[in-house]
Amino acid sequence: MVGVDYNPSIELLDQHNCSHSVHGDDIAIGPDGKDSYYYIKKADRMVLVKRTEGISTTDIVGRLLLLTKDHHFETENQLFKRRLSHEFCSNQEGVSNNIINK
């Protein structure tokens, strides 16, 4: 989400219809000396996930986002295959779209 404060609030959860917030157990401490999720924890709307050494959820999410973006664009090979299949397939009447038969 763009423009979201690192110290999420109950109002933010409610605004996005979220029942809970989830974060690793390596929560940062804010300038006021409280952890970034103090108020969410106090409201019992916090789920902590044990951190696994060497595994970065930020990297995993980033890689997943890159994967989802790619399906919107055809690679040159995919485009070529689609054009070939279109050329050599039949239309609804069973007439070949093949250039040779035109």
PDB file of N, CA and C in Angstrom:
ATOM      1  N   MET A   1       0.843  -1.169   0.000  1.00  0.00           N
ATOM      2  CA  MET A   1       0.000   0.000   0.000  1.00  0.00           C
ATOM      3  C   MET A   1       0.897   1.244   0.000  1.00  0.00           C
ATOM      4  N   VAL A   2       0.598   2.195  -0.792  1.00  0.00           N
ATOM      5  CA  VAL A   2       1.406   3.397  -0.913  1.00  0.00           C
ATOM      6  C   VAL A   2       0.927   4.440   0.094  1.00  0.00           C
ATOM      7  N   GLY A   3       1.855   5.139   0.706  1.00  0.00           N
ATOM      8  CA  GLY A   3       1.517   6.243   1.595  1.00  0.00           C
ATOM      9  C   GLY A   3       0.993   5.822   2.955  1.00  0.00           C
ATOM     10  N   VAL A   4       1.293   4.596   3.373  1.00  0.00           N
ATOM     11  CA  VAL A   4       0.823   4.123   4.675  1.00  0.00           C
ATOM     12  C   VAL A   4       1.913   4.355   5.705  1.00  0.00           C
ATOM     13  N   ASP A   5       1.522   4.884   6.834  1.00  0.00           N
ATOM     14  CA  ASP A   5       2.447   5.125   7.934  1.00  0.00           C
ATOM     15  C   ASP A   5       2.990   3.798   8.446  1.00  0.00           C
ATOM     16  N   TYR A   6       4.251   3.769   8.850  1.00  0.00           N
ATOM     17  CA  TYR A   6       4.832   2.540   9.388  1.00  0.00           C
ATOM     18  C   TYR A   6       4.227   2.194  10.741  1.00  0.00           C
ATOM     19  N   ASN A   7       3.641   3.165  11.400  1.00  0.00           N
ATOM     20  CA  ASN A   7       2.941   2.921  12.660  1.00  0.00           C
ATOM     21  C   ASN A   7       1.447   2.850  12.363  1.00  0.00           C
ATOM     22  N   PRO A   8       0.942   1.678  11.980  1.00  0.00           N
ATOM     23  CA  PRO A   8      -0.467   1.574  11.602  1.00  0.00           C
ATOM     24  C   PRO A   8      -1.387   1.839  12.790  1.00  0.00           C
ATOM     25  N   SER A   9      -2.563   2.279  12.486  1.00  0.00           N
ATOM     26  CA  SER A   9      -3.522   2.614  13.541  1.00  0.00           C
ATOM     27  C   SER A   9      -4.759   1.729  13.447  1.00  0.00           C
ATOM     28  N   ILE A  10      -5.541   1.741  14.501  1.00  0.00           N
ATOM     29  CA  ILE A  10      -6.820   1.028  14.506  1.00  0.00           C
ATOM     30  C   ILE A  10      -7.705   1.588  13.392  1.00  0.00           C
ATOM     31  N   GLU A  11      -7.669   2.896  13.197  1.00  0.00           N
ATOM     32  CA  GLU A  11      -8.472   3.533  12.151  1.00  0.00           C
ATOM     33  C   GLU A  11      -8.093   3.007  10.770  1.00  0.00           C
ATOM     34  N   LEU A  12      -6.798   2.782  10.541  1.00  0.00           N
ATOM     35  CA  LEU A  12      -6.342   2.249   9.263  1.00  0.00           C
ATOM     36  C   LEU A  12      -6.883   0.834   9.046  1.00  0.00           C
ATOM     37  N   LEU A  13      -6.820   0.018  10.086  1.00  0.00           N
ATOM     38  CA  LEU A  13      -7.376  -1.331   9.978  1.00  0.00           C
ATOM     39  C   LEU A  13      -8.865  -1.281   9.649  1.00  0.00           C
ATOM     40  N   ASP A  14      -9.574  -0.436  10.360  1.00  0.00           N
ATOM     41  CA  ASP A  14     -11.019  -0.311  10.133  1.00  0.00           C
ATOM     42  C   ASP A  14     -11.328   0.217   8.737  1.00  0.00           C
ATOM     43  N   GLN A  15     -10.561   1.193   8.301  1.00  0.00           N
ATOM     44  CA  GLN A  15     -10.766   1.799   6.978  1.00  0.00           C
ATOM     45  C   GLN A  15     -10.663   0.757   5.868  1.00  0.00           C
ATOM     46  N   HIS A  16      -9.782  -0.227   6.057  1.00  0.00           N
ATOM     47  CA  HIS A  16      -9.563  -1.249   5.037  1.00  0.00           C
ATOM     48  C   HIS A  16     -10.247  -2.569   5.396  1.00  0.00           C
ATOM     49  N   ASN A  17     -11.134  -2.497   6.381  1.00  0.00           N
ATOM     50  CA  ASN A  17     -11.938  -3.653   6.777  1.00  0.00           C
ATOM     51  C   ASN A  17     -11.066  -4.842   7.192  1.00  0.00           C
ATOM     52  N   CYS A  18      -9.988  -4.556   7.927  1.00  0.00           N
ATOM     53  CA  CYS A  18      -9.073  -5.598   8.407  1.00  0.00           C
ATOM     54  C   CYS A  18      -9.358  -5.894   9.873  1.00  0.00           C
ATOM     55  N   SER A  19      -9.461  -7.157  10.185  1.00  0.00           N
ATOM     56  CA  SER A  19      -9.708  -7.509  11.584  1.00  0.00           C
ATOM     57  C   SER A  19      -8.424  -7.465  12.401  1.00  0.00           C
ATOM     58  N   HIS A  20      -7.282  -7.794  11.774  1.00  0.00           N
ATOM     59  CA  HIS A  20      -6.006  -7.855  12.483  1.00  0.00           C
ATOM     60  C   HIS A  20      -4.871  -7.341  11.592  1.00  0.00           C
ATOM     61  N   SER A  21      -3.769  -7.067  12.250  1.00  0.00           N
ATOM     62  CA  SER A  21      -2.540  -6.733  11.547  1.00  0.00           C
ATOM     63  C   SER A  21      -1.557  -7.864  11.830  1.00  0.00           C
ATOM     64  N   VAL A  22      -0.733  -8.210  10.840  1.00  0.00           N
ATOM     65  CA  VAL A  22       0.238  -9.293  10.990  1.00  0.00           C
ATOM     66  C   VAL A  22       1.630  -8.732  10.734  1.00  0.00           C
ATOM     67  N   HIS A  23       2.551  -9.115  11.577  1.00  0.00           N
ATOM     68  CA  HIS A  23       3.937  -8.664  11.419  1.00  0.00           C
ATOM     69  C   HIS A  23       4.845  -9.694  12.066  1.00  0.00           C
ATOM     70  N   GLY A  24       6.097  -9.722  11.627  1.00  0.00           N
ATOM     71  CA  GLY A  24       7.100 -10.573  12.261  1.00  0.00           C
ATOM     72  C   GLY A  24       7.365 -10.097  13.678  1.00  0.00           C
ATOM     73  N   ASP A  25       7.964 -10.946  14.477  1.00  0.00           N
ATOM     74  CA  ASP A  25       8.206 -10.594  15.873  1.00  0.00           C
ATOM     75  C   ASP A  25       9.412  -9.664  16.061  1.00  0.00           C
ATOM     76  N   ASP A  26       9.899  -9.079  14.969  1.00  0.00           N
ATOM     77  CA  ASP A  26      11.024  -8.142  15.004  1.00  0.00           C
ATOM     78  C   ASP A  26      10.537  -6.696  14.818  1.00  0.00           C
ATOM     79  N   ILE A  27       9.534  -6.328  15.578  1.00  0.00           N
ATOM     80  CA  ILE A  27       8.890  -5.019  15.423  1.00  0.00           C
ATOM     81  C   ILE A  27       9.812  -3.888  15.882  1.00  0.00           C
ATOM     82  N   ALA A  28       9.819  -2.816  15.118  1.00  0.00           N
ATOM     83  CA  ALA A  28      10.653  -1.646  15.410  1.00  0.00           C
ATOM     84  C   ALA A  28      10.048  -0.818  16.549  1.00  0.00           C
ATOM     85  N   ILE A  29      10.918  -0.129  17.231  1.00  0.00           N
ATOM     86  CA  ILE A  29      10.498   0.783  18.305  1.00  0.00           C
ATOM     87  C   ILE A  29      10.442   2.192  17.719  1.00  0.00           C
ATOM     88  N   GLY A  30       9.335   2.878  17.971  1.00  0.00           N
ATOM     89  CA  GLY A  30       9.152   4.236  17.473  1.00  0.00           C
ATOM     90  C   GLY A  30       9.868   5.261  18.325  1.00  0.00           C
ATOM     91  N   PRO A  31       9.850   6.536  17.908  1.00  0.00           N
ATOM     92  CA  PRO A  31      10.532   7.595  18.647  1.00  0.00           C
ATOM     93  C   PRO A  31       9.959   7.809  20.052  1.00  0.00           C
ATOM     94  N   ASP A  32       8.716   7.367  20.271  1.00  0.00           N
ATOM     95  CA  ASP A  32       8.108   7.531  21.597  1.00  0.00           C
ATOM     96  C   ASP A  32       8.477   6.396  22.548  1.00  0.00           C
ATOM     97  N   GLY A  33       9.310   5.430  22.062  1.00  0.00           N
ATOM     98  CA  GLY A  33       9.746   4.328  22.912  1.00  0.00           C
ATOM     99  C   GLY A  33       8.799   3.135  22.893  1.00  0.00           C
ATOM    100  N   LYS A  34       7.673   3.258  22.214  1.00  0.00           N
ATOM    101  CA  LYS A  34       6.725   2.153  22.100  1.00  0.00           C
ATOM    102  C   LYS A  34       6.941   1.465  20.762  1.00  0.00           C
ATOM    103  N   ASP A  35       6.580   0.185  20.711  1.00  0.00           N
ATOM    104  CA  ASP A  35       6.726  -0.477  19.422  1.00  0.00           C
ATOM    105  C   ASP A  35       5.682   0.062  18.451  1.00  0.00           C
ATOM    106  N   SER A  36       5.936  -0.138  17.183  1.00  0.00           N
ATOM    107  CA  SER A  36       5.115   0.442  16.127  1.00  0.00           C
ATOM    108  C   SER A  36       3.670  -0.057  16.141  1.00  0.00           C
ATOM    109  N   TYR A  37       3.423  -1.166  16.804  1.00  0.00           N
ATOM    110  CA  TYR A  37       2.092  -1.764  16.821  1.00  0.00           C
ATOM    111  C   TYR A  37       1.466  -1.740  18.217  1.00  0.00           C
ATOM    112  N   TYR A  38       1.934  -0.861  19.060  1.00  0.00           N
ATOM    113  CA  TYR A  38       1.481  -0.796  20.452  1.00  0.00           C
ATOM    114  C   TYR A  38      -0.049  -0.741  20.565  1.00  0.00           C
ATOM    115  N   TYR A  39      -0.664   0.180  19.855  1.00  0.00           N
ATOM    116  CA  TYR A  39      -2.105   0.373  19.996  1.00  0.00           C
ATOM    117  C   TYR A  39      -2.898  -0.795  19.394  1.00  0.00           C
ATOM    118  N   ILE A  40      -2.374  -1.381  18.347  1.00  0.00           N
ATOM    119  CA  ILE A  40      -3.045  -2.533  17.741  1.00  0.00           C
ATOM    120  C   ILE A  40      -2.943  -3.741  18.674  1.00  0.00           C
ATOM    121  N   LYS A  41      -1.782  -3.905  19.310  1.00  0.00           N
ATOM    122  CA  LYS A  41      -1.633  -4.982  20.290  1.00  0.00           C
ATOM    123  C   LYS A  41      -2.574  -4.763  21.470  1.00  0.00           C
ATOM    124  N   LYS A  42      -2.628  -3.529  21.929  1.00  0.00           N
ATOM    125  CA  LYS A  42      -3.483  -3.189  23.070  1.00  0.00           C
ATOM    126  C   LYS A  42      -4.953  -3.501  22.749  1.00  0.00           C
ATOM    127  N   ALA A  43      -5.354  -3.335  21.488  1.00  0.00           N
ATOM    128  CA  ALA A  43      -6.727  -3.615  21.062  1.00  0.00           C
ATOM    129  C   ALA A  43      -6.919  -5.107  20.744  1.00  0.00           C
ATOM    130  N   ASP A  44      -5.891  -5.923  20.963  1.00  0.00           N
ATOM    131  CA  ASP A  44      -5.942  -7.365  20.700  1.00  0.00           C
ATOM    132  C   ASP A  44      -6.257  -7.665  19.228  1.00  0.00           C
ATOM    133  N   ARG A  45      -5.634  -6.882  18.342  1.00  0.00           N
ATOM    134  CA  ARG A  45      -5.842  -7.060  16.896  1.00  0.00           C
ATOM    135  C   ARG A  45      -4.510  -7.291  16.180  1.00  0.00           C
ATOM    136  N   MET A  46      -3.586  -7.911  16.906  1.00  0.00           N
ATOM    137  CA  MET A  46      -2.238  -8.134  16.385  1.00  0.00           C
ATOM    138  C   MET A  46      -1.940  -9.621  16.323  1.00  0.00           C
ATOM    139  N   VAL A  47      -1.358 -10.051  15.204  1.00  0.00           N
ATOM    140  CA  VAL A  47      -0.867 -11.420  15.068  1.00  0.00           C
ATOM    141  C   VAL A  47       0.626 -11.319  14.797  1.00  0.00           C
ATOM    142  N   LEU A  48       1.413 -11.940  15.674  1.00  0.00           N
ATOM    143  CA  LEU A  48       2.859 -11.956  15.493  1.00  0.00           C
ATOM    144  C   LEU A  48       3.273 -13.272  14.855  1.00  0.00           C
ATOM    145  N   VAL A  49       4.200 -13.178  13.927  1.00  0.00           N
ATOM    146  CA  VAL A  49       4.730 -14.355  13.244  1.00  0.00           C
ATOM    147  C   VAL A  49       6.196 -14.465  13.614  1.00  0.00           C
ATOM    148  N   LYS A  50       6.607 -15.654  14.038  1.00  0.00           N
ATOM    149  CA  LYS A  50       7.997 -15.850  14.416  1.00  0.00           C
ATOM    150  C   LYS A  50       8.895 -15.612  13.208  1.00  0.00           C
ATOM    151  N   ARG A  51       9.905 -14.828  13.416  1.00  0.00           N
ATOM    152  CA  ARG A  51      10.853 -14.513  12.353  1.00  0.00           C
ATOM    153  C   ARG A  51      11.747 -15.714  12.101  1.00  0.00           C
ATOM    154  N   THR A  52      12.015 -15.990  10.829  1.00  0.00           N
ATOM    155  CA  THR A  52      12.897 -17.084  10.442  1.00  0.00           C
ATOM    156  C   THR A  52      14.187 -16.485   9.914  1.00  0.00           C
ATOM    157  N   GLU A  53      15.277 -16.807  10.570  1.00  0.00           N
ATOM    158  CA  GLU A  53      16.590 -16.289  10.181  1.00  0.00           C
ATOM    159  C   GLU A  53      16.875 -16.588   8.710  1.00  0.00           C
ATOM    160  N   GLY A  54      17.266 -15.574   7.957  1.00  0.00           N
ATOM    161  CA  GLY A  54      17.641 -15.745   6.562  1.00  0.00           C
ATOM    162  C   GLY A  54      16.486 -15.689   5.579  1.00  0.00           C
ATOM    163  N   ILE A  55      15.258 -15.543   6.060  1.00  0.00           N
ATOM    164  CA  ILE A  55      14.094 -15.455   5.180  1.00  0.00           C
ATOM    165  C   ILE A  55      13.529 -14.043   5.280  1.00  0.00           C
ATOM    166  N   SER A  56      13.400 -13.383   4.157  1.00  0.00           N
ATOM    167  CA  SER A  56      12.894 -12.012   4.123  1.00  0.00           C
ATOM    168  C   SER A  56      11.514 -11.990   3.458  1.00  0.00           C
ATOM    169  N   THR A  57      10.490 -11.664   4.240  1.00  0.00           N
ATOM    170  CA  THR A  57       9.151 -11.565   3.649  1.00  0.00           C
ATOM    171  C   THR A  57       9.094 -10.416   2.653  1.00  0.00           C
ATOM    172  N   THR A  58       9.876  -9.381   2.872  1.00  0.00           N
ATOM    173  CA  THR A  58       9.921  -8.265   1.927  1.00  0.00           C
ATOM    174  C   THR A  58      10.408  -8.752   0.567  1.00  0.00           C
ATOM    175  N   ASP A  59      11.448  -9.588   0.564  1.00  0.00           N
ATOM    176  CA  ASP A  59      11.946 -10.155  -0.691  1.00  0.00           C
ATOM    177  C   ASP A  59      10.911 -11.073  -1.331  1.00  0.00           C
ATOM    178  N   ILE A  60      10.246 -11.891  -0.518  1.00  0.00           N
ATOM    179  CA  ILE A  60       9.237 -12.820  -1.046  1.00  0.00           C
ATOM    180  C   ILE A  60       8.086 -12.044  -1.680  1.00  0.00           C
ATOM    181  N   VAL A  61       7.587 -11.042  -0.967  1.00  0.00           N
ATOM    182  CA  VAL A  61       6.486 -10.232  -1.503  1.00  0.00           C
ATOM    183  C   VAL A  61       6.923  -9.525  -2.781  1.00  0.00           C
ATOM    184  N   GLY A  62       8.131  -8.986  -2.796  1.00  0.00           N
ATOM    185  CA  GLY A  62       8.646  -8.320  -3.994  1.00  0.00           C
ATOM    186  C   GLY A  62       8.715  -9.256  -5.182  1.00  0.00           C
ATOM    187  N   ARG A  63       9.188 -10.481  -4.945  1.00  0.00           N
ATOM    188  CA  ARG A  63       9.264 -11.456  -6.038  1.00  0.00           C
ATOM    189  C   ARG A  63       7.871 -11.849  -6.510  1.00  0.00           C
ATOM    190  N   LEU A  64       6.930 -11.993  -5.587  1.00  0.00           N
ATOM    191  CA  LEU A  64       5.555 -12.317  -5.973  1.00  0.00           C
ATOM    192  C   LEU A  64       4.935 -11.198  -6.799  1.00  0.00           C
ATOM    193  N   LEU A  65       5.189  -9.964  -6.404  1.00  0.00           N
ATOM    194  CA  LEU A  65       4.652  -8.834  -7.157  1.00  0.00           C
ATOM    195  C   LEU A  65       5.224  -8.783  -8.565  1.00  0.00           C
ATOM    196  N   LEU A  66       6.492  -9.107  -8.698  1.00  0.00           N
ATOM    197  CA  LEU A  66       7.099  -9.149 -10.030  1.00  0.00           C
ATOM    198  C   LEU A  66       6.461 -10.247 -10.874  1.00  0.00           C
ATOM    199  N   LEU A  67       6.132 -11.364 -10.269  1.00  0.00           N
ATOM    200  CA  LEU A  67       5.485 -12.452 -11.000  1.00  0.00           C
ATOM    201  C   LEU A  67       4.101 -12.045 -11.485  1.00  0.00           C
ATOM    202  N   THR A  68       3.345 -11.358 -10.651  1.00  0.00           N
ATOM    203  CA  THR A  68       1.983 -10.999 -11.032  1.00  0.00           C
ATOM    204  C   THR A  68       1.986  -9.960 -12.140  1.00  0.00           C
ATOM    205  N   LYS A  69       3.006  -9.116 -12.188  1.00  0.00           N
ATOM    206  CA  LYS A  69       3.066  -8.086 -13.215  1.00  0.00           C
ATOM    207  C   LYS A  69       3.322  -8.694 -14.591  1.00  0.00           C
ATOM    208  N   ASP A  70       4.117  -9.748 -14.637  1.00  0.00           N
ATOM    209  CA  ASP A  70       4.518 -10.336 -15.911  1.00  0.00           C
ATOM    210  C   ASP A  70       3.357 -10.944 -16.692  1.00  0.00           C
ATOM    211  N   HIS A  71       2.332 -11.429 -16.025  1.00  0.00           N
ATOM    212  CA  HIS A  71       1.276 -12.099 -16.774  1.00  0.00           C
ATOM    213  C   HIS A  71       0.449 -11.134 -17.616  1.00  0.00           C
ATOM    214  N   HIS A  72       0.635  -9.842 -17.410  1.00  0.00           N
ATOM    215  CA  HIS A  72      -0.082  -8.852 -18.211  1.00  0.00           C
ATOM    216  C   HIS A  72       0.585  -8.609 -19.567  1.00  0.00           C
ATOM    217  N   PHE A  73       1.813  -9.040 -19.687  1.00  0.00           N
ATOM    218  CA  PHE A  73       2.579  -8.768 -20.898  1.00  0.00           C
ATOM    219  C   PHE A  73       3.045 -10.079 -21.519  1.00  0.00           C
ATOM    220  N   GLU A  74       2.886 -10.192 -22.825  1.00  0.00           N
ATOM    221  CA  GLU A  74       3.351 -11.381 -23.519  1.00  0.00           C
ATOM    222  C   GLU A  74       4.828 -11.237 -23.847  1.00  0.00           C
ATOM    223  N   THR A  75       5.546 -12.311 -23.673  1.00  0.00           N
ATOM    224  CA  THR A  75       6.933 -12.309 -24.129  1.00  0.00           C
ATOM    225  C   THR A  75       6.898 -12.448 -25.643  1.00  0.00           C
ATOM    226  N   GLU A  76       8.022 -12.208 -26.276  1.00  0.00           N
ATOM    227  CA  GLU A  76       8.089 -12.350 -27.742  1.00  0.00           C
ATOM    228  C   GLU A  76       7.713 -13.765 -28.162  1.00  0.00           C
ATOM    229  N   ASN A  77       8.181 -14.754 -27.398  1.00  0.00           N
ATOM    230  CA  ASN A  77       7.895 -16.153 -27.709  1.00  0.00           C
ATOM    231  C   ASN A  77       6.392 -16.445 -27.570  1.00  0.00           C
ATOM    232  N   GLN A  78       5.749 -15.940 -26.506  1.00  0.00           N
ATOM    233  CA  GLN A  78       4.312 -16.152 -26.318  1.00  0.00           C
ATOM    234  C   GLN A  78       3.511 -15.490 -27.440  1.00  0.00           C
ATOM    235  N   LEU A  79       3.907 -14.291 -27.816  1.00  0.00           N
ATOM    236  CA  LEU A  79       3.225 -13.568 -28.884  1.00  0.00           C
ATOM    237  C   LEU A  79       3.356 -14.323 -30.212  1.00  0.00           C
ATOM    238  N   PHE A  80       4.561 -14.819 -30.488  1.00  0.00           N
ATOM    239  CA  PHE A  80       4.805 -15.591 -31.704  1.00  0.00           C
ATOM    240  C   PHE A  80       3.924 -16.845 -31.736  1.00  0.00           C
ATOM    241  N   LYS A  81       3.863 -17.572 -30.609  1.00  0.00           N
ATOM    242  CA  LYS A  81       3.042 -18.785 -30.541  1.00  0.00           C
ATOM    243  C   LYS A  81       1.568 -18.457 -30.732  1.00  0.00           C
ATOM    244  N   ARG A  82       1.097 -17.364 -30.151  1.00  0.00           N
ATOM    245  CA  ARG A  82      -0.302 -16.989 -30.296  1.00  0.00           C
ATOM    246  C   ARG A  82      -0.612 -16.647 -31.752  1.00  0.00           C
ATOM    247  N   ARG A  83       0.292 -15.920 -32.400  1.00  0.00           N
ATOM    248  CA  ARG A  83       0.088 -15.577 -33.811  1.00  0.00           C
ATOM    249  C   ARG A  83       0.084 -16.828 -34.690  1.00  0.00           C
ATOM    250  N   LEU A  84       1.013 -17.750 -34.403  1.00  0.00           N
ATOM    251  CA  LEU A  84       1.053 -18.999 -35.166  1.00  0.00           C
ATOM    252  C   LEU A  84      -0.228 -19.794 -34.974  1.00  0.00           C
ATOM    253  N   SER A  85      -0.675 -19.914 -33.739  1.00  0.00           N
ATOM    254  CA  SER A  85      -1.887 -20.701 -33.494  1.00  0.00           C
ATOM    255  C   SER A  85      -3.097 -20.042 -34.154  1.00  0.00           C
ATOM    256  N   HIS A  86      -3.131 -18.734 -34.189  1.00  0.00           N
ATOM    257  CA  HIS A  86      -4.239 -18.026 -34.840  1.00  0.00           C
ATOM    258  C   HIS A  86      -4.219 -18.275 -36.351  1.00  0.00           C
ATOM    259  N   GLU A  87      -3.029 -18.253 -36.937  1.00  0.00           N
ATOM    260  CA  GLU A  87      -2.903 -18.462 -38.387  1.00  0.00           C
ATOM    261  C   GLU A  87      -3.335 -19.849 -38.815  1.00  0.00           C
ATOM    262  N   PHE A  88      -3.052 -20.845 -37.982  1.00  0.00           N
ATOM    263  CA  PHE A  88      -3.294 -22.225 -38.391  1.00  0.00           C
ATOM    264  C   PHE A  88      -4.496 -22.859 -37.696  1.00  0.00           C
ATOM    265  N   CYS A  89      -5.362 -22.056 -37.111  1.00  0.00           N
ATOM    266  CA  CYS A  89      -6.586 -22.569 -36.492  1.00  0.00           C
ATOM    267  C   CYS A  89      -7.773 -22.269 -37.396  1.00  0.00           C
ATOM    268  N   SER A  90      -8.850 -22.967 -37.139  1.00  0.00           N
ATOM    269  CA  SER A  90     -10.075 -22.750 -37.905  1.00  0.00           C
ATOM    270  C   SER A  90     -10.959 -21.747 -37.186  1.00  0.00           C
ATOM    271  N   ASN A  91     -11.770 -21.036 -37.961  1.00  0.00           N
ATOM    272  CA  ASN A  91     -12.742 -20.137 -37.347  1.00  0.00           C
ATOM    273  C   ASN A  91     -13.975 -20.945 -36.942  1.00  0.00           C
ATOM    274  N   GLN A  92     -15.029 -20.291 -36.462  1.00  0.00           N
ATOM    275  CA  GLN A  92     -16.212 -20.996 -35.973  1.00  0.00           C
ATOM    276  C   GLN A  92     -16.894 -21.834 -37.052  1.00  0.00           C
ATOM    277  N   GLU A  93     -16.773 -21.476 -38.303  1.00  0.00           N
ATOM    278  CA  GLU A  93     -17.392 -22.232 -39.399  1.00  0.00           C
ATOM    279  C   GLU A  93     -16.509 -23.391 -39.869  1.00  0.00           C
ATOM    280  N   GLY A  94     -15.355 -23.572 -39.247  1.00  0.00           N
ATOM    281  CA  GLY A  94     -14.458 -24.654 -39.635  1.00  0.00           C
ATOM    282  C   GLY A  94     -13.558 -24.297 -40.790  1.00  0.00           C
ATOM    283  N   VAL A  95     -13.555 -23.034 -41.203  1.00  0.00           N
ATOM    284  CA  VAL A  95     -12.705 -22.593 -42.304  1.00  0.00           C
ATOM    285  C   VAL A  95     -11.352 -22.224 -41.727  1.00  0.00           C
ATOM    286  N   SER A  96     -10.308 -22.744 -42.339  1.00  0.00           N
ATOM    287  CA  SER A  96      -8.965 -22.499 -41.849  1.00  0.00           C
ATOM    288  C   SER A  96      -8.582 -21.038 -42.021  1.00  0.00           C
ATOM    289  N   ASN A  97      -7.880 -20.522 -41.018  1.00  0.00           N
ATOM    290  CA  ASN A  97      -7.342 -19.169 -41.110  1.00  0.00           C
ATOM    291  C   ASN A  97      -5.960 -19.187 -41.778  1.00  0.00           C
ATOM    292  N   ASN A  98      -5.508 -20.358 -42.176  1.00  0.00           N
ATOM    293  CA  ASN A  98      -4.181 -20.514 -42.759  1.00  0.00           C
ATOM    294  C   ASN A  98      -4.067 -19.656 -44.026  1.00  0.00           C
ATOM    295  N   ILE A  99      -2.983 -18.945 -44.142  1.00  0.00           N
ATOM    296  CA  ILE A  99      -2.745 -18.048 -45.271  1.00  0.00           C
ATOM    297  C   ILE A  99      -2.746 -18.830 -46.591  1.00  0.00           C
ATOM    298  N   ILE A 100      -2.283 -20.081 -46.556  1.00  0.00           N
ATOM    299  CA  ILE A 100      -2.203 -20.890 -47.784  1.00  0.00           C
ATOM    300  C   ILE A 100      -3.590 -21.081 -48.398  1.00  0.00           C
ATOM    301  N   ASN A 101      -4.639 -21.199 -47.562  1.00  0.00           N
ATOM    302  CA  ASN A 101      -5.981 -21.447 -48.065  1.00  0.00           C
ATOM    303  C   ASN A 101      -6.720 -20.174 -48.463  1.00  0.00           C
ATOM    304  N   LYS A 102      -6.105 -19.040 -48.358  1.00  0.00           N
ATOM    305  CA  LYS A 102      -6.807 -17.778 -48.662  1.00  0.00           C
ATOM    306  C   LYS A 102      -6.689 -17.432 -50.091  1.00  0.00           C
TER     307      LYS A 102
END
